[in-house]
Each structure stands twice: as structure tokens, then as C-alpha cells.
């Protein structure tokens, strides 16, 4: 491996480690989703599942991006139960974990085909009403605020109804 390639790998690993880990790997995603649906239904909101994991730099970057923008966080808080649903494709050697993951992904409409992170919008009954490819929200080496705002605005309960 060249020195340049080694430096790039170290930089990428360091850049990711600076980002806050937002996925709780110890909880059952199905239970997490059920609780979010119940709360959203009670509050007249929808659920947004940000599916990905702490292994995914773009997942952590998105969480960091939205947490630092008050306009985005206000829009989310007003309209959604927003959860980070953990999925780790690297656990393919653990058959029980992969079976649970496959069940969870099937419930969410198999969103992994878009890559990670991927956003799944659920109504108050838990029905998948939209799957958002996160690459459509990107710009350069990050995310575009107007694209992100448009995504969230177009999938609020008021916009859908």
C-alpha cells in the first residue's frame, strides 16, 4: 500500500471518528419502529427511519448535518418521530442477526437497494409511504440544505393529506 493510500485511509477513519455515533446497536429495531409508530400516531405525526449504522460515514454525516441546522430540526420535530434504525451488513456470519435484519428490512420495503443511509417514511399506521434515496440529497462531499428541506417538507402529514 502506498503512503498516500495509507494516509487517505487514516484520514477517512479519523474523520468518521469525529462524528457522533447515533445508532443504538443494542436495541431491537422492530421494537424501536413499533414504539415510534405508536408515538407518531398519538401525536399526529409520521415516522422517519434513517436506516444505516455507525459503520456508515454518510449516515453519521447526515445526522450531524441535520442536528446543526435549527430550521431542519424544527421541521422534523414538528412533523416526525425521527429514529436511527441500525442495520449492519457486516454481520452476515451471524444467521440469527441477519434473519432479524432481513425481517426488519422487508417491513420497511427493502430500502437497502438505495444504499445507506436510506430514509423510510411511515404513516401513523406503520405503512411505508415513501423511501428516499439519500444520494438525491447530497451535494459535493455533504448534503444540500434545500434538497433536505424539500424532502422533509414534501412528506409531512399535512403535505401528504
Foldseek 3Di string as FASTA:
>chain_A
DDPVVVVVVVVVVVLLVVFDWAEDPPDQLVVVLVVFLQVCLVVVAKEKEFEEGSVDSQSSQVVVVQVPDPVSVVLDVNHYDYGYRYDDPVVVVDVVNVVSNVVVCVLQVVLCVLPHRKMFIAGSVSDTPDIHRCVQQDDDPHGDVVSSVVVSVCPGSVNVD
